[in-house]
Amino acid sequence: MDRTQFEAELANDGYAALARSLEPNATNPEHAHGFDARLLVLEGALTITCDGAARTYGPGETFAMPAGRRHAEQAGPAGVRYLAGRRGAAS
């Protein structure tokens, strides 16, 4: 998916868009958010681990996480730059 299409979908579904990045190999340990989240990887890679299963997302791939679902995040060896959409209460 491209950024223009992703941003249009976020706006249509009531999400606020934020540009984000993580340094190479940075890890966010298991946590949950108080908001629904969607993301589009722009550069690099991001691995999401949820319920014991890990999946790596690369450029052009999207991911959705409902509020309250526990997960961990790890940037790839080149880091990751992504566009995040948030909807609902802040974390």
C-alpha atoms as a PDB file:
ATOM      1  CA  MET A   1       0.000   0.000   0.000  1.00  0.00           C
ATOM      2  CA  ASP A   2       1.264   3.507  -0.643  1.00  0.00           C
ATOM      3  CA  ARG A   3       1.337   6.345   1.867  1.00  0.00           C
ATOM      4  CA  THR A   4      -1.354   8.459   0.142  1.00  0.00           C
ATOM      5  CA  GLN A   5      -3.851   5.598   0.153  1.00  0.00           C
ATOM      6  CA  PHE A   6      -3.005   4.685   3.772  1.00  0.00           C
ATOM      7  CA  GLU A   7      -3.425   8.287   4.987  1.00  0.00           C
ATOM      8  CA  ALA A   8      -6.786   8.539   3.188  1.00  0.00           C
ATOM      9  CA  GLU A   9      -7.993   5.324   4.843  1.00  0.00           C
ATOM     10  CA  LEU A  10      -6.848   6.551   8.257  1.00  0.00           C
ATOM     11  CA  ALA A  11      -8.698   9.843   7.855  1.00  0.00           C
ATOM     12  CA  ASN A  12     -11.821   8.084   6.585  1.00  0.00           C
ATOM     13  CA  ASP A  13     -11.825   5.735   9.601  1.00  0.00           C
ATOM     14  CA  GLY A  14     -11.193   8.441  12.222  1.00  0.00           C
ATOM     15  CA  TYR A  15      -7.495   7.807  12.915  1.00  0.00           C
ATOM     16  CA  ALA A  16      -4.901  10.496  13.631  1.00  0.00           C
ATOM     17  CA  ALA A  17      -1.668   9.967  11.637  1.00  0.00           C
ATOM     18  CA  LEU A  18       1.794  10.242  13.203  1.00  0.00           C
ATOM     19  CA  ALA A  19       5.232   9.763  11.626  1.00  0.00           C
ATOM     20  CA  ARG A  20       7.377   7.474  13.777  1.00  0.00           C
ATOM     21  CA  SER A  21      10.723   5.696  13.716  1.00  0.00           C
ATOM     22  CA  LEU A  22      12.809   3.297  15.776  1.00  0.00           C
ATOM     23  CA  GLU A  23      16.589   3.018  15.819  1.00  0.00           C
ATOM     24  CA  PRO A  24      18.249  -0.160  14.493  1.00  0.00           C
ATOM     25  CA  ASN A  25      17.373  -3.215  16.603  1.00  0.00           C
ATOM     26  CA  ALA A  26      15.390  -1.104  19.119  1.00  0.00           C
ATOM     27  CA  THR A  27      12.876  -3.104  21.137  1.00  0.00           C
ATOM     28  CA  ASN A  28       9.631  -2.103  22.822  1.00  0.00           C
ATOM     29  CA  PRO A  29       8.902  -4.892  25.323  1.00  0.00           C
ATOM     30  CA  GLU A  30       5.446  -6.391  25.594  1.00  0.00           C
ATOM     31  CA  HIS A  31       2.803  -3.727  26.208  1.00  0.00           C
ATOM     32  CA  ALA A  32      -0.714  -2.689  25.218  1.00  0.00           C
ATOM     33  CA  HIS A  33      -2.138   0.616  24.004  1.00  0.00           C
ATOM     34  CA  GLY A  34      -5.334   2.340  25.063  1.00  0.00           C
ATOM     35  CA  PHE A  35      -6.116   3.063  21.403  1.00  0.00           C
ATOM     36  CA  ASP A  36      -6.639   1.182  18.152  1.00  0.00           C
ATOM     37  CA  ALA A  37      -3.493   1.349  16.017  1.00  0.00           C
ATOM     38  CA  ARG A  38      -2.655   0.861  12.353  1.00  0.00           C
ATOM     39  CA  LEU A  39       0.749   1.256  10.768  1.00  0.00           C
ATOM     40  CA  LEU A  40       2.363   1.405   7.377  1.00  0.00           C
ATOM     41  CA  VAL A  41       6.072   0.604   7.151  1.00  0.00           C
ATOM     42  CA  LEU A  42       7.820   3.202   4.991  1.00  0.00           C
ATOM     43  CA  GLU A  43      11.460   2.042   5.309  1.00  0.00           C
ATOM     44  CA  GLY A  44      13.252  -0.781   7.110  1.00  0.00           C
ATOM     45  CA  ALA A  45      11.494  -3.554   8.987  1.00  0.00           C
ATOM     46  CA  LEU A  46       9.404  -3.986  12.131  1.00  0.00           C
ATOM     47  CA  THR A  47       8.706  -7.299  13.850  1.00  0.00           C
ATOM     48  CA  ILE A  48       5.517  -7.530  15.902  1.00  0.00           C
ATOM     49  CA  THR A  49       5.183 -10.391  18.388  1.00  0.00           C
ATOM     50  CA  CYS A  50       1.667 -11.126  19.605  1.00  0.00           C
ATOM     51  CA  ASP A  51       0.367 -14.253  21.355  1.00  0.00           C
ATOM     52  CA  GLY A  52       3.763 -15.933  20.897  1.00  0.00           C
ATOM     53  CA  ALA A  53       3.835 -15.461  17.114  1.00  0.00           C
ATOM     54  CA  ALA A  54       6.217 -13.027  15.412  1.00  0.00           C
ATOM     55  CA  ARG A  55       5.751 -11.417  12.003  1.00  0.00           C
ATOM     56  CA  THR A  56       8.072  -8.979  10.259  1.00  0.00           C
ATOM     57  CA  TYR A  57       6.610  -6.157   8.163  1.00  0.00           C
ATOM     58  CA  GLY A  58       8.562  -4.374   5.437  1.00  0.00           C
ATOM     59  CA  PRO A  59       8.014  -1.335   3.224  1.00  0.00           C
ATOM     60  CA  GLY A  60       4.460  -1.039   1.928  1.00  0.00           C
ATOM     61  CA  GLU A  61       3.039  -3.534   4.422  1.00  0.00           C
ATOM     62  CA  THR A  62       0.371  -2.581   6.944  1.00  0.00           C
ATOM     63  CA  PHE A  63      -0.583  -3.835  10.382  1.00  0.00           C
ATOM     64  CA  ALA A  64      -3.559  -3.283  12.697  1.00  0.00           C
ATOM     65  CA  MET A  65      -3.710  -3.748  16.479  1.00  0.00           C
ATOM     66  CA  PRO A  66      -6.877  -3.266  18.543  1.00  0.00           C
ATOM     67  CA  ALA A  67      -6.745  -1.349  21.816  1.00  0.00           C
ATOM     68  CA  GLY A  68      -5.731  -3.474  24.782  1.00  0.00           C
ATOM     69  CA  ARG A  69      -3.992  -6.282  22.861  1.00  0.00           C
ATOM     70  CA  ARG A  70      -0.565  -7.104  24.271  1.00  0.00           C
ATOM     71  CA  HIS A  71       2.352  -7.165  21.828  1.00  0.00           C
ATOM     72  CA  ALA A  72       6.082  -6.406  21.498  1.00  0.00           C
ATOM     73  CA  GLU A  73       7.895  -4.509  18.735  1.00  0.00           C
ATOM     74  CA  GLN A  74      11.433  -4.810  17.380  1.00  0.00           C
ATOM     75  CA  ALA A  75      13.031  -2.742  14.638  1.00  0.00           C
ATOM     76  CA  GLY A  76      15.168  -4.454  12.047  1.00  0.00           C
ATOM     77  CA  PRO A  77      18.955  -4.030  11.682  1.00  0.00           C
ATOM     78  CA  ALA A  78      18.482  -0.853   9.605  1.00  0.00           C
ATOM     79  CA  GLY A  79      15.794   0.540  11.934  1.00  0.00           C
ATOM     80  CA  VAL A  80      12.298   1.358  10.798  1.00  0.00           C
ATOM     81  CA  ARG A  81      10.383   4.426   9.679  1.00  0.00           C
ATOM     82  CA  TYR A  82       6.599   4.127   9.660  1.00  0.00           C
ATOM     83  CA  LEU A  83       3.332   6.005   9.636  1.00  0.00           C
ATOM     84  CA  ALA A  84       1.110   5.179  12.618  1.00  0.00           C
ATOM     85  CA  GLY A  85      -2.602   5.778  12.925  1.00  0.00           C
ATOM     86  CA  ARG A  86      -4.262   6.054  16.350  1.00  0.00           C
ATOM     87  CA  ARG A  87      -7.945   6.079  17.167  1.00  0.00           C
ATOM     88  CA  GLY A  88      -9.518   6.289  20.605  1.00  0.00           C
ATOM     89  CA  ALA A  89      -8.149   7.134  24.046  1.00  0.00           C
ATOM     90  CA  ALA A  90      -4.448   7.897  24.514  1.00  0.00           C
ATOM     91  CA  SER A  91      -2.169   5.323  26.116  1.00  0.00           C
END
